[in-house]
């Protein structure tokens, strides 16, 4: 399996990029030449990376084989013309390589294990997420979700923060798991804002300007809701994902508590502060919302 090499300083973990999207376009080319889509998908796309796709598809247990087959057979090459243009000259690889250097110049992680990033075109994947692949955790980008790559650097910085914290294998007490979930989400937003200050805060916290203003104005409500469910990680995850009209809570806003906790604790963006966060992330458990 080939990857896009990153020339790096020796003190940084290497970034290995796996451009699976190139095999996706080979699958499209086979379809254009008359090969049945389902067969072309398995031959040109799935089998060359079958270990990856087995792990990837396991994230979506409701997508069974007939559902996947239906999605594959609905693919039309012309639907991906814009994406093909965006990906020319290895645009994504260059953005990730540059952002990787900026991230690690601040984070300076002790772990030197290479970072792996997979660039795929899927049918239902998020923009960016972590995936357990064998004994490793890797970063994955679902390129079909991007209209352009203006925020790809933000997504990478965010997911790299999660990955570096994941590698520390922090023992989180059961009663603190909901707290840790929101705190690490907020920390990843905070970290990307330090690495990429040229982006507006709305990019880093994944909120519109109106929704961000709502969060600032409703911090007491967010804290109240968190305290109510703070020992129920499943409920907190559900509220973060879906919100709850009965609580006057929009979706995707609870993580702002984590971001605000980081801002309150680390108001100065000093390099040593950022390095310390990744060296001893267990200290974050002391932060309060």
C-alpha atoms as a PDB file:
ATOM      1  CA  UNK A   1       0.000   0.000   0.000  1.00  0.00           C
ATOM      2  CA  UNK A   2       1.656   3.249  -1.081  1.00  0.00           C
ATOM      3  CA  UNK A   3       1.578   6.507   0.761  1.00  0.00           C
ATOM      4  CA  UNK A   4       2.493  10.141   0.209  1.00  0.00           C
ATOM      5  CA  UNK A   5       5.758  10.752   2.125  1.00  0.00           C
ATOM      6  CA  UNK A   6       6.269  13.847   4.198  1.00  0.00           C
ATOM      7  CA  UNK A   7       9.761  15.258   4.503  1.00  0.00           C
ATOM      8  CA  UNK A   8      10.060  16.208   8.129  1.00  0.00           C
ATOM      9  CA  UNK A   9      12.341  17.238  10.922  1.00  0.00           C
ATOM     10  CA  UNK A  10      13.604  14.171  12.739  1.00  0.00           C
ATOM     11  CA  UNK A  11      12.044  15.152  16.051  1.00  0.00           C
ATOM     12  CA  UNK A  12       8.516  15.013  14.620  1.00  0.00           C
ATOM     13  CA  UNK A  13       6.434  11.874  14.145  1.00  0.00           C
ATOM     14  CA  UNK A  14       6.237  11.118  10.437  1.00  0.00           C
ATOM     15  CA  UNK A  15       2.988  11.726   8.614  1.00  0.00           C
ATOM     16  CA  UNK A  16       2.021   8.915   6.237  1.00  0.00           C
ATOM     17  CA  UNK A  17      -0.799   9.753   3.859  1.00  0.00           C
ATOM     18  CA  UNK A  18      -2.732   7.019   2.074  1.00  0.00           C
ATOM     19  CA  UNK A  19      -4.611   8.511  -0.938  1.00  0.00           C
ATOM     20  CA  UNK A  20      -7.356   5.912  -1.338  1.00  0.00           C
ATOM     21  CA  UNK A  21      -9.275   8.365  -3.505  1.00  0.00           C
ATOM     22  CA  UNK A  22      -6.988   7.489  -6.415  1.00  0.00           C
ATOM     23  CA  UNK A  23      -8.335   3.939  -6.380  1.00  0.00           C
ATOM     24  CA  UNK A  24     -11.853   5.354  -6.197  1.00  0.00           C
ATOM     25  CA  UNK A  25     -11.246   7.161  -9.467  1.00  0.00           C
ATOM     26  CA  UNK A  26      -9.919   3.916 -10.958  1.00  0.00           C
ATOM     27  CA  UNK A  27     -13.230   2.348  -9.941  1.00  0.00           C
ATOM     28  CA  UNK A  28     -15.074   5.188 -11.705  1.00  0.00           C
ATOM     29  CA  UNK A  29     -12.936   4.737 -14.816  1.00  0.00           C
ATOM     30  CA  UNK A  30     -13.806   1.034 -14.897  1.00  0.00           C
ATOM     31  CA  UNK A  31     -17.502   1.898 -14.633  1.00  0.00           C
ATOM     32  CA  UNK A  32     -17.154   4.357 -17.498  1.00  0.00           C
ATOM     33  CA  UNK A  33     -15.612   1.598 -19.606  1.00  0.00           C
ATOM     34  CA  UNK A  34     -18.589  -0.658 -19.004  1.00  0.00           C
ATOM     35  CA  UNK A  35     -17.560  -2.815 -16.051  1.00  0.00           C
ATOM     36  CA  UNK A  36     -20.505  -3.450 -13.684  1.00  0.00           C
ATOM     37  CA  UNK A  37     -20.262  -1.015 -10.770  1.00  0.00           C
ATOM     38  CA  UNK A  38     -20.491  -3.581  -7.961  1.00  0.00           C
ATOM     39  CA  UNK A  39     -17.714  -5.737  -9.434  1.00  0.00           C
ATOM     40  CA  UNK A  40     -15.547  -2.709 -10.240  1.00  0.00           C
ATOM     41  CA  UNK A  41     -15.986  -1.410  -6.685  1.00  0.00           C
ATOM     42  CA  UNK A  42     -14.673  -4.626  -5.140  1.00  0.00           C
ATOM     43  CA  UNK A  43     -11.881  -5.146  -7.638  1.00  0.00           C
ATOM     44  CA  UNK A  44     -10.471  -1.614  -7.854  1.00  0.00           C
ATOM     45  CA  UNK A  45     -11.390  -0.027  -4.518  1.00  0.00           C
ATOM     46  CA  UNK A  46     -12.359  -2.415  -1.739  1.00  0.00           C
ATOM     47  CA  UNK A  47      -9.929  -5.334  -2.139  1.00  0.00           C
ATOM     48  CA  UNK A  48      -6.718  -3.274  -2.460  1.00  0.00           C
ATOM     49  CA  UNK A  49      -7.538  -1.773   0.977  1.00  0.00           C
ATOM     50  CA  UNK A  50      -9.764  -4.481   2.398  1.00  0.00           C
ATOM     51  CA  UNK A  51      -8.388  -4.315   5.968  1.00  0.00           C
ATOM     52  CA  UNK A  52      -9.094  -0.604   6.040  1.00  0.00           C
ATOM     53  CA  UNK A  53     -12.590  -0.971   4.585  1.00  0.00           C
ATOM     54  CA  UNK A  54     -13.494  -3.799   6.964  1.00  0.00           C
ATOM     55  CA  UNK A  55     -12.725  -1.488   9.888  1.00  0.00           C
ATOM     56  CA  UNK A  56     -14.385   1.491   8.195  1.00  0.00           C
ATOM     57  CA  UNK A  57     -17.637  -0.292   7.410  1.00  0.00           C
ATOM     58  CA  UNK A  58     -17.796  -1.681  10.955  1.00  0.00           C
ATOM     59  CA  UNK A  59     -18.464   1.910  12.074  1.00  0.00           C
ATOM     60  CA  UNK A  60     -21.778   1.815  10.218  1.00  0.00           C
ATOM     61  CA  UNK A  61     -23.581  -1.328  11.413  1.00  0.00           C
ATOM     62  CA  UNK A  62     -26.868  -0.205   9.838  1.00  0.00           C
ATOM     63  CA  UNK A  63     -25.269  -0.238   6.369  1.00  0.00           C
ATOM     64  CA  UNK A  64     -25.535  -3.871   5.335  1.00  0.00           C
ATOM     65  CA  UNK A  65     -24.280  -5.417   2.088  1.00  0.00           C
ATOM     66  CA  UNK A  66     -27.498  -4.783   0.078  1.00  0.00           C
ATOM     67  CA  UNK A  67     -27.539  -1.141   1.204  1.00  0.00           C
ATOM     68  CA  UNK A  68     -23.881  -0.723   0.243  1.00  0.00           C
ATOM     69  CA  UNK A  69     -24.505  -2.382  -3.114  1.00  0.00           C
ATOM     70  CA  UNK A  70     -27.366   0.023  -3.766  1.00  0.00           C
ATOM     71  CA  UNK A  71     -25.184   3.027  -3.032  1.00  0.00           C
ATOM     72  CA  UNK A  72     -22.340   1.756  -5.189  1.00  0.00           C
ATOM     73  CA  UNK A  73     -24.622   1.091  -8.138  1.00  0.00           C
ATOM     74  CA  UNK A  74     -26.100   4.595  -7.823  1.00  0.00           C
ATOM     75  CA  UNK A  75     -22.666   6.176  -8.349  1.00  0.00           C
ATOM     76  CA  UNK A  76     -22.270   8.199 -11.518  1.00  0.00           C
ATOM     77  CA  UNK A  77     -18.752   9.308 -12.592  1.00  0.00           C
ATOM     78  CA  UNK A  78     -20.000  12.780 -13.503  1.00  0.00           C
ATOM     79  CA  UNK A  79     -21.023  13.356  -9.874  1.00  0.00           C
ATOM     80  CA  UNK A  80     -17.350  13.454  -8.915  1.00  0.00           C
ATOM     81  CA  UNK A  81     -16.005  15.814 -11.586  1.00  0.00           C
ATOM     82  CA  UNK A  82     -15.720  18.715  -9.124  1.00  0.00           C
ATOM     83  CA  UNK A  83     -13.965  16.547  -6.543  1.00  0.00           C
ATOM     84  CA  UNK A  84     -11.505  15.324  -9.155  1.00  0.00           C
ATOM     85  CA  UNK A  85     -10.596  18.947  -9.948  1.00  0.00           C
ATOM     86  CA  UNK A  86     -10.152  19.741  -6.260  1.00  0.00           C
ATOM     87  CA  UNK A  87      -7.793  16.797  -5.823  1.00  0.00           C
ATOM     88  CA  UNK A  88      -5.469  17.560  -8.727  1.00  0.00           C
ATOM     89  CA  UNK A  89      -1.781  18.123  -7.987  1.00  0.00           C
ATOM     90  CA  UNK A  90      -2.172  16.307  -4.634  1.00  0.00           C
ATOM     91  CA  UNK A  91      -3.836  19.345  -3.075  1.00  0.00           C
ATOM     92  CA  UNK A  92      -5.033  17.512   0.038  1.00  0.00           C
ATOM     93  CA  UNK A  93      -1.682  15.853   0.668  1.00  0.00           C
ATOM     94  CA  UNK A  94       0.086  19.209   0.590  1.00  0.00           C
ATOM     95  CA  UNK A  95      -2.409  20.809   2.978  1.00  0.00           C
ATOM     96  CA  UNK A  96      -2.096  17.946   5.460  1.00  0.00           C
ATOM     97  CA  UNK A  97       1.706  17.928   5.292  1.00  0.00           C
ATOM     98  CA  UNK A  98       1.903  21.653   5.972  1.00  0.00           C
ATOM     99  CA  UNK A  99      -0.641  21.504   8.795  1.00  0.00           C
ATOM    100  CA  UNK A 100       1.089  18.496  10.352  1.00  0.00           C
ATOM    101  CA  UNK A 101       4.298  20.486  10.684  1.00  0.00           C
ATOM    102  CA  UNK A 102       2.482  23.448  12.224  1.00  0.00           C
ATOM    103  CA  UNK A 103       0.620  21.229  14.696  1.00  0.00           C
ATOM    104  CA  UNK A 104       3.640  19.336  15.918  1.00  0.00           C
ATOM    105  CA  UNK A 105       5.818  22.408  16.209  1.00  0.00           C
ATOM    106  CA  UNK A 106       3.422  23.433  18.997  1.00  0.00           C
ATOM    107  CA  UNK A 107       2.308  20.089  20.422  1.00  0.00           C
ATOM    108  CA  UNK A 108       5.792  18.507  20.446  1.00  0.00           C
ATOM    109  CA  UNK A 109       4.452  15.062  21.422  1.00  0.00           C
ATOM    110  CA  UNK A 110       6.695  12.602  23.212  1.00  0.00           C
ATOM    111  CA  UNK A 111       5.299   9.722  21.150  1.00  0.00           C
ATOM    112  CA  UNK A 112       7.269   9.344  17.899  1.00  0.00           C
ATOM    113  CA  UNK A 113       4.949   6.769  16.313  1.00  0.00           C
ATOM    114  CA  UNK A 114       4.053   7.830  12.752  1.00  0.00           C
ATOM    115  CA  UNK A 115       0.673   9.422  12.156  1.00  0.00           C
ATOM    116  CA  UNK A 116      -1.380   7.802   9.388  1.00  0.00           C
ATOM    117  CA  UNK A 117      -4.044   9.683   7.443  1.00  0.00           C
ATOM    118  CA  UNK A 118      -6.400   8.013   4.956  1.00  0.00           C
ATOM    119  CA  UNK A 119      -8.083  10.018   2.212  1.00  0.00           C
ATOM    120  CA  UNK A 120     -11.113   8.207   0.869  1.00  0.00           C
ATOM    121  CA  UNK A 121     -14.248   8.874  -1.080  1.00  0.00           C
ATOM    122  CA  UNK A 122     -17.035   7.137   0.788  1.00  0.00           C
ATOM    123  CA  UNK A 123     -20.801   7.249   0.703  1.00  0.00           C
ATOM    124  CA  UNK A 124     -21.698   8.150   4.284  1.00  0.00           C
ATOM    125  CA  UNK A 125     -18.519   9.132   6.127  1.00  0.00           C
ATOM    126  CA  UNK A 126     -17.990  12.270   8.257  1.00  0.00           C
ATOM    127  CA  UNK A 127     -15.547  14.930   7.072  1.00  0.00           C
ATOM    128  CA  UNK A 128     -12.880  13.653   9.477  1.00  0.00           C
ATOM    129  CA  UNK A 129     -12.723  11.047  12.240  1.00  0.00           C
ATOM    130  CA  UNK A 130     -10.483   8.578  14.026  1.00  0.00           C
ATOM    131  CA  UNK A 131     -10.601   4.885  13.153  1.00  0.00           C
ATOM    132  CA  UNK A 132      -9.215   1.881  15.016  1.00  0.00           C
ATOM    133  CA  UNK A 133      -7.244  -0.043  12.402  1.00  0.00           C
ATOM    134  CA  UNK A 134      -5.715  -3.156  13.908  1.00  0.00           C
ATOM    135  CA  UNK A 135      -3.549  -2.015  16.816  1.00  0.00           C
ATOM    136  CA  UNK A 136      -3.349   1.545  15.484  1.00  0.00           C
ATOM    137  CA  UNK A 137      -5.662   4.529  15.490  1.00  0.00           C
ATOM    138  CA  UNK A 138      -5.606   6.499  12.236  1.00  0.00           C
ATOM    139  CA  UNK A 139      -7.125   9.717  10.931  1.00  0.00           C
ATOM    140  CA  UNK A 140      -9.664   9.398   8.098  1.00  0.00           C
ATOM    141  CA  UNK A 141     -11.104  12.049   5.810  1.00  0.00           C
ATOM    142  CA  UNK A 142     -14.336  11.503   3.869  1.00  0.00           C
ATOM    143  CA  UNK A 143     -13.578  13.704   0.882  1.00  0.00           C
ATOM    144  CA  UNK A 144     -17.076  13.395  -0.578  1.00  0.00           C
ATOM    145  CA  UNK A 145     -18.269  15.778   2.161  1.00  0.00           C
ATOM    146  CA  UNK A 146     -16.028  18.678   1.105  1.00  0.00           C
ATOM    147  CA  UNK A 147     -17.130  21.400  -1.290  1.00  0.00           C
ATOM    148  CA  UNK A 148     -13.627  22.863  -1.073  1.00  0.00           C
ATOM    149  CA  UNK A 149     -10.600  22.309   1.140  1.00  0.00           C
ATOM    150  CA  UNK A 150     -10.496  25.701   2.823  1.00  0.00           C
ATOM    151  CA  UNK A 151     -11.080  24.077   6.240  1.00  0.00           C
ATOM    152  CA  UNK A 152      -9.193  20.825   5.714  1.00  0.00           C
ATOM    153  CA  UNK A 153      -6.345  22.150   7.854  1.00  0.00           C
ATOM    154  CA  UNK A 154      -8.759  22.820  10.732  1.00  0.00           C
ATOM    155  CA  UNK A 155     -10.173  19.305  10.543  1.00  0.00           C
ATOM    156  CA  UNK A 156      -6.680  17.833  10.540  1.00  0.00           C
ATOM    157  CA  UNK A 157      -5.512  19.862  13.542  1.00  0.00           C
ATOM    158  CA  UNK A 158      -8.687  18.902  15.404  1.00  0.00           C
ATOM    159  CA  UNK A 159      -8.355  15.178  14.728  1.00  0.00           C
ATOM    160  CA  UNK A 160      -4.611  15.159  15.377  1.00  0.00           C
ATOM    161  CA  UNK A 161      -5.287  16.608  18.830  1.00  0.00           C
ATOM    162  CA  UNK A 162      -7.708  13.749  19.503  1.00  0.00           C
ATOM    163  CA  UNK A 163      -5.161  11.230  18.227  1.00  0.00           C
ATOM    164  CA  UNK A 164      -2.328  12.529  20.398  1.00  0.00           C
ATOM    165  CA  UNK A 165      -4.568  12.459  23.484  1.00  0.00           C
ATOM    166  CA  UNK A 166      -5.807   8.978  22.546  1.00  0.00           C
ATOM    167  CA  UNK A 167      -2.233   7.713  22.479  1.00  0.00           C
ATOM    168  CA  UNK A 168      -1.701   8.750  26.094  1.00  0.00           C
ATOM    169  CA  UNK A 169      -4.333   6.184  27.196  1.00  0.00           C
ATOM    170  CA  UNK A 170      -5.662   8.255  30.075  1.00  0.00           C
ATOM    171  CA  UNK A 171      -7.574   6.298  32.723  1.00  0.00           C
ATOM    172  CA  UNK A 172     -10.824   8.246  33.073  1.00  0.00           C
ATOM    173  CA  UNK A 173     -13.056   7.422  36.065  1.00  0.00           C
ATOM    174  CA  UNK A 174     -16.555   6.311  34.988  1.00  0.00           C
ATOM    175  CA  UNK A 175     -18.195   9.310  36.631  1.00  0.00           C
ATOM    176  CA  UNK A 176     -15.922  11.657  34.635  1.00  0.00           C
ATOM    177  CA  UNK A 177     -16.362  10.137  31.159  1.00  0.00           C
ATOM    178  CA  UNK A 178     -19.008  12.650  30.051  1.00  0.00           C
ATOM    179  CA  UNK A 179     -16.811  15.470  31.321  1.00  0.00           C
ATOM    180  CA  UNK A 180     -13.780  14.032  29.475  1.00  0.00           C
ATOM    181  CA  UNK A 181     -15.771  13.642  26.266  1.00  0.00           C
ATOM    182  CA  UNK A 182     -16.800  17.318  26.158  1.00  0.00           C
ATOM    183  CA  UNK A 183     -13.445  18.495  27.427  1.00  0.00           C
ATOM    184  CA  UNK A 184     -11.432  16.675  24.761  1.00  0.00           C
ATOM    185  CA  UNK A 185     -13.809  17.921  22.065  1.00  0.00           C
ATOM    186  CA  UNK A 186     -13.307  21.453  23.328  1.00  0.00           C
ATOM    187  CA  UNK A 187      -9.562  20.929  23.680  1.00  0.00           C
ATOM    188  CA  UNK A 188      -9.305  19.847  20.029  1.00  0.00           C
ATOM    189  CA  UNK A 189     -11.147  23.029  18.999  1.00  0.00           C
ATOM    190  CA  UNK A 190      -8.877  25.098  21.243  1.00  0.00           C
ATOM    191  CA  UNK A 191      -5.738  23.460  19.828  1.00  0.00           C
ATOM    192  CA  UNK A 192      -6.694  24.071  16.199  1.00  0.00           C
ATOM    193  CA  UNK A 193      -7.396  27.723  17.052  1.00  0.00           C
ATOM    194  CA  UNK A 194      -3.844  28.016  18.395  1.00  0.00           C
ATOM    195  CA  UNK A 195      -2.277  26.291  15.400  1.00  0.00           C
ATOM    196  CA  UNK A 196      -4.347  28.132  12.781  1.00  0.00           C
ATOM    197  CA  UNK A 197      -5.228  31.559  14.186  1.00  0.00           C
ATOM    198  CA  UNK A 198      -5.898  32.894  10.697  1.00  0.00           C
ATOM    199  CA  UNK A 199      -9.211  31.016  10.727  1.00  0.00           C
ATOM    200  CA  UNK A 200     -12.183  32.572  12.542  1.00  0.00           C
ATOM    201  CA  UNK A 201     -13.291  30.948  15.780  1.00  0.00           C
ATOM    202  CA  UNK A 202     -16.472  29.759  14.075  1.00  0.00           C
ATOM    203  CA  UNK A 203     -14.339  27.388  11.960  1.00  0.00           C
ATOM    204  CA  UNK A 204     -12.593  25.907  14.982  1.00  0.00           C
ATOM    205  CA  UNK A 205     -15.725  25.254  17.047  1.00  0.00           C
ATOM    206  CA  UNK A 206     -17.768  24.183  13.984  1.00  0.00           C
ATOM    207  CA  UNK A 207     -20.545  26.673  14.691  1.00  0.00           C
ATOM    208  CA  UNK A 208     -22.165  29.465  12.727  1.00  0.00           C
ATOM    209  CA  UNK A 209     -21.660  32.995  14.020  1.00  0.00           C
ATOM    210  CA  UNK A 210     -25.249  33.065  15.285  1.00  0.00           C
ATOM    211  CA  UNK A 211     -24.897  29.739  17.074  1.00  0.00           C
ATOM    212  CA  UNK A 212     -21.560  30.769  18.587  1.00  0.00           C
ATOM    213  CA  UNK A 213     -23.154  33.953  19.957  1.00  0.00           C
ATOM    214  CA  UNK A 214     -25.948  31.790  21.356  1.00  0.00           C
ATOM    215  CA  UNK A 215     -23.363  29.678  23.197  1.00  0.00           C
ATOM    216  CA  UNK A 216     -21.721  32.705  24.817  1.00  0.00           C
ATOM    217  CA  UNK A 217     -25.110  34.048  25.881  1.00  0.00           C
ATOM    218  CA  UNK A 218     -26.326  30.694  27.197  1.00  0.00           C
ATOM    219  CA  UNK A 219     -23.315  29.342  29.084  1.00  0.00           C
ATOM    220  CA  UNK A 220     -25.386  29.094  32.306  1.00  0.00           C
ATOM    221  CA  UNK A 221     -27.927  26.901  30.473  1.00  0.00           C
ATOM    222  CA  UNK A 222     -25.192  24.684  29.014  1.00  0.00           C
ATOM    223  CA  UNK A 223     -23.643  24.246  32.458  1.00  0.00           C
ATOM    224  CA  UNK A 224     -27.030  23.461  33.994  1.00  0.00           C
ATOM    225  CA  UNK A 225     -27.747  20.781  31.396  1.00  0.00           C
ATOM    226  CA  UNK A 226     -24.288  19.282  31.825  1.00  0.00           C
ATOM    227  CA  UNK A 227     -24.624  19.117  35.621  1.00  0.00           C
ATOM    228  CA  UNK A 228     -27.972  17.389  35.226  1.00  0.00           C
ATOM    229  CA  UNK A 229     -26.527  14.571  33.090  1.00  0.00           C
ATOM    230  CA  UNK A 230     -22.838  14.699  33.989  1.00  0.00           C
ATOM    231  CA  UNK A 231     -22.641  11.059  35.050  1.00  0.00           C
ATOM    232  CA  UNK A 232     -24.419   9.788  31.929  1.00  0.00           C
ATOM    233  CA  UNK A 233     -21.940   9.828  29.041  1.00  0.00           C
ATOM    234  CA  UNK A 234     -24.447   8.311  26.622  1.00  0.00           C
ATOM    235  CA  UNK A 235     -26.990  11.053  27.309  1.00  0.00           C
ATOM    236  CA  UNK A 236     -24.373  13.802  26.975  1.00  0.00           C
ATOM    237  CA  UNK A 237     -23.251  12.359  23.622  1.00  0.00           C
ATOM    238  CA  UNK A 238     -26.866  12.226  22.473  1.00  0.00           C
ATOM    239  CA  UNK A 239     -27.509  15.820  23.527  1.00  0.00           C
ATOM    240  CA  UNK A 240     -24.329  16.982  21.797  1.00  0.00           C
ATOM    241  CA  UNK A 241     -25.306  15.200  18.597  1.00  0.00           C
ATOM    242  CA  UNK A 242     -29.042  15.945  18.462  1.00  0.00           C
ATOM    243  CA  UNK A 243     -29.802  18.654  20.986  1.00  0.00           C
ATOM    244  CA  UNK A 244     -33.177  18.607  22.746  1.00  0.00           C
ATOM    245  CA  UNK A 245     -36.029  21.061  22.031  1.00  0.00           C
ATOM    246  CA  UNK A 246     -37.514  20.313  25.449  1.00  0.00           C
ATOM    247  CA  UNK A 247     -34.320  21.665  27.033  1.00  0.00           C
ATOM    248  CA  UNK A 248     -34.058  24.567  24.569  1.00  0.00           C
ATOM    249  CA  UNK A 249     -30.779  22.969  23.484  1.00  0.00           C
ATOM    250  CA  UNK A 250     -29.655  23.092  19.828  1.00  0.00           C
ATOM    251  CA  UNK A 251     -27.458  20.277  18.463  1.00  0.00           C
ATOM    252  CA  UNK A 252     -23.652  20.441  18.481  1.00  0.00           C
ATOM    253  CA  UNK A 253     -23.255  23.085  21.190  1.00  0.00           C
ATOM    254  CA  UNK A 254     -22.386  21.251  24.430  1.00  0.00           C
ATOM    255  CA  UNK A 255     -18.757  20.860  23.356  1.00  0.00           C
ATOM    256  CA  UNK A 256     -18.477  24.649  23.664  1.00  0.00           C
ATOM    257  CA  UNK A 257     -18.229  24.040  27.419  1.00  0.00           C
ATOM    258  CA  UNK A 258     -14.972  22.188  26.806  1.00  0.00           C
ATOM    259  CA  UNK A 259     -13.612  24.931  24.574  1.00  0.00           C
ATOM    260  CA  UNK A 260     -14.528  27.622  27.095  1.00  0.00           C
ATOM    261  CA  UNK A 261     -12.893  25.657  29.913  1.00  0.00           C
ATOM    262  CA  UNK A 262      -9.642  25.581  27.911  1.00  0.00           C
ATOM    263  CA  UNK A 263      -9.889  29.288  27.161  1.00  0.00           C
ATOM    264  CA  UNK A 264     -10.463  30.123  30.808  1.00  0.00           C
ATOM    265  CA  UNK A 265      -7.532  28.005  31.956  1.00  0.00           C
ATOM    266  CA  UNK A 266      -5.048  28.851  29.197  1.00  0.00           C
ATOM    267  CA  UNK A 267      -5.743  32.414  28.143  1.00  0.00           C
ATOM    268  CA  UNK A 268      -2.213  32.942  26.855  1.00  0.00           C
ATOM    269  CA  UNK A 269      -1.347  30.782  23.801  1.00  0.00           C
ATOM    270  CA  UNK A 270       2.208  30.040  24.906  1.00  0.00           C
ATOM    271  CA  UNK A 271       4.039  27.142  23.257  1.00  0.00           C
ATOM    272  CA  UNK A 272       4.976  25.584  26.609  1.00  0.00           C
ATOM    273  CA  UNK A 273       1.334  25.516  27.703  1.00  0.00           C
ATOM    274  CA  UNK A 274       0.334  23.618  24.569  1.00  0.00           C
ATOM    275  CA  UNK A 275       3.244  21.206  24.957  1.00  0.00           C
ATOM    276  CA  UNK A 276       2.240  20.557  28.584  1.00  0.00           C
ATOM    277  CA  UNK A 277      -1.365  19.799  27.613  1.00  0.00           C
ATOM    278  CA  UNK A 278      -0.211  16.968  25.358  1.00  0.00           C
ATOM    279  CA  UNK A 279       2.499  15.748  27.728  1.00  0.00           C
ATOM    280  CA  UNK A 280       0.097  15.471  30.695  1.00  0.00           C
ATOM    281  CA  UNK A 281      -3.496  15.507  29.404  1.00  0.00           C
ATOM    282  CA  UNK A 282      -4.714  13.894  32.633  1.00  0.00           C
ATOM    283  CA  UNK A 283      -4.420  17.369  34.158  1.00  0.00           C
ATOM    284  CA  UNK A 284      -7.392  18.390  32.039  1.00  0.00           C
ATOM    285  CA  UNK A 285      -9.644  16.307  34.279  1.00  0.00           C
ATOM    286  CA  UNK A 286      -9.209  18.994  36.938  1.00  0.00           C
ATOM    287  CA  UNK A 287     -10.856  21.640  34.759  1.00  0.00           C
ATOM    288  CA  UNK A 288     -14.428  22.544  35.547  1.00  0.00           C
ATOM    289  CA  UNK A 289     -17.196  23.814  33.321  1.00  0.00           C
END
